[in-house]
Amino acid sequence: MKSKNLANIFYQWEDDTLVLNILGTPSAKRDAIGKVKGNQLKVSVTAAPVAGKATDHMVKFLAKEFGVSASDIVVVYGRMNVNKQLRIKNPKTVPEVIIKNG
């Protein structure tokens, strides 16, 4: 299946891979998956935005939330930016916000 334009939605499935548009918030009080804002899912992490460390921390946090290993998550773009796209291979669990907004 070819990748579709995610202009109006924050996620899509490509076979067993979940493609997510993320609006990241570094240096937050806690790691959390937030609400949907436009075509992005808000995700906050405690790590500071230094040399991609906040993105690395986000990948580890989301790996736990989706029941996968960090190596199953690929940062398509946005490693050094708050606007990101991630590909999560074969997630074992899906957070409620995705189910509710699906």
Protein backbone atom coordinates (compact mmCIF):
# COMPACT_ATOMS: atom_id res chain seq x y z
CA MET A 1 0.00 0.00 0.00
CA LYS A 2 1.36 3.41 -0.91
CA SER A 3 1.68 6.17 1.65
CA LYS A 4 -1.23 8.58 1.59
CA ASN A 5 -1.20 12.26 2.40
CA LEU A 6 -1.76 12.66 6.14
CA ALA A 7 -2.90 16.28 5.74
CA ASN A 8 -6.29 15.83 7.42
CA ILE A 9 -5.67 12.91 9.78
CA PHE A 10 -3.03 12.25 12.43
CA TYR A 11 -2.50 8.54 11.74
CA GLN A 12 -3.02 5.80 9.21
CA TRP A 13 -2.32 2.11 8.93
CA GLU A 14 -0.02 0.73 6.22
CA ASP A 15 -0.44 -3.02 6.53
CA ASP A 16 0.83 -3.81 10.08
CA THR A 17 2.56 -0.44 10.50
CA LEU A 18 0.98 2.56 12.22
CA VAL A 19 2.09 5.90 10.75
CA LEU A 20 1.67 8.76 13.25
CA ASN A 21 2.04 12.52 12.91
CA ILE A 22 3.34 13.91 16.22
CA LEU A 23 3.49 17.37 17.75
CA GLY A 24 6.19 16.96 20.39
CA THR A 25 6.61 18.95 23.58
CA PRO A 26 10.08 18.56 25.11
CA SER A 27 11.04 19.47 28.69
CA ALA A 28 7.55 18.66 29.97
CA LYS A 29 6.70 17.79 33.58
CA ARG A 30 5.93 14.20 32.60
CA ASP A 31 5.88 11.84 29.64
CA ALA A 32 2.34 11.74 28.25
CA ILE A 33 0.25 11.17 25.17
CA GLY A 34 -2.10 14.12 24.84
CA LYS A 35 -4.97 15.12 22.61
CA VAL A 36 -5.20 15.41 18.87
CA LYS A 37 -4.45 18.87 17.49
CA GLY A 38 -5.28 19.22 13.81
CA ASN A 39 -3.42 16.46 12.00
CA GLN A 40 -1.04 15.70 14.87
CA LEU A 41 -1.10 13.79 18.15
CA LYS A 42 0.43 15.77 21.01
CA VAL A 43 3.15 13.87 22.88
CA SER A 44 5.06 15.40 25.81
CA VAL A 45 8.37 14.14 27.13
CA THR A 46 10.56 15.15 30.06
CA ALA A 47 13.80 15.15 28.04
CA ALA A 48 15.32 18.44 26.90
CA PRO A 49 15.54 19.17 23.15
CA VAL A 50 19.31 18.73 22.87
CA ALA A 51 20.84 16.91 19.89
CA GLY A 52 17.72 14.80 19.27
CA LYS A 53 17.64 13.44 22.82
CA ALA A 54 13.98 14.42 23.32
CA THR A 55 13.05 12.45 20.20
CA ASP A 56 15.08 9.46 21.37
CA HIS A 57 13.31 9.64 24.75
CA MET A 58 9.94 9.92 22.98
CA VAL A 59 10.66 6.80 20.94
CA LYS A 60 11.48 4.84 24.12
CA PHE A 61 8.34 6.18 25.85
CA LEU A 62 6.09 5.37 22.88
CA ALA A 63 7.64 1.91 22.53
CA LYS A 64 6.33 1.08 26.02
CA GLU A 65 2.92 2.62 25.26
CA PHE A 66 2.54 0.61 22.04
CA GLY A 67 4.05 -2.62 23.40
CA VAL A 68 6.96 -2.72 20.94
CA SER A 69 10.72 -2.35 21.16
CA ALA A 70 12.30 1.02 20.35
CA SER A 71 13.81 -0.56 17.23
CA ASP A 72 10.25 -1.10 15.90
CA ILE A 73 9.75 2.68 15.73
CA VAL A 74 11.25 4.66 12.87
CA VAL A 75 11.42 8.46 12.88
CA VAL A 76 10.50 9.30 9.27
CA TYR A 77 11.18 12.99 9.78
CA GLY A 78 11.44 15.55 12.58
CA ARG A 79 14.18 14.10 14.77
CA MET A 80 15.34 17.67 15.56
CA ASN A 81 11.89 19.29 15.29
CA VAL A 82 8.62 19.27 17.26
CA ASN A 83 6.78 18.16 14.09
CA LYS A 84 7.47 14.48 13.52
CA GLN A 85 6.24 11.44 11.69
CA LEU A 86 6.81 8.01 13.20
CA ARG A 87 6.26 4.52 11.83
CA ILE A 88 5.44 1.92 14.50
CA LYS A 89 5.76 -1.64 13.28
CA ASN A 90 3.13 -4.09 14.51
CA PRO A 91 2.01 -2.31 17.71
CA LYS A 92 0.75 -4.71 20.37
CA THR A 93 -1.42 -2.09 22.09
CA VAL A 94 -2.97 1.13 20.79
CA PRO A 95 -3.58 4.10 23.12
CA GLU A 96 -7.19 5.10 23.72
CA VAL A 97 -6.81 8.48 21.97
CA ILE A 98 -6.19 6.69 18.66
CA ILE A 99 -9.10 4.32 19.14
CA LYS A 100 -11.46 7.21 20.04
CA ASN A 101 -10.35 9.33 17.08
CA GLY A 102 -10.34 6.49 14.57
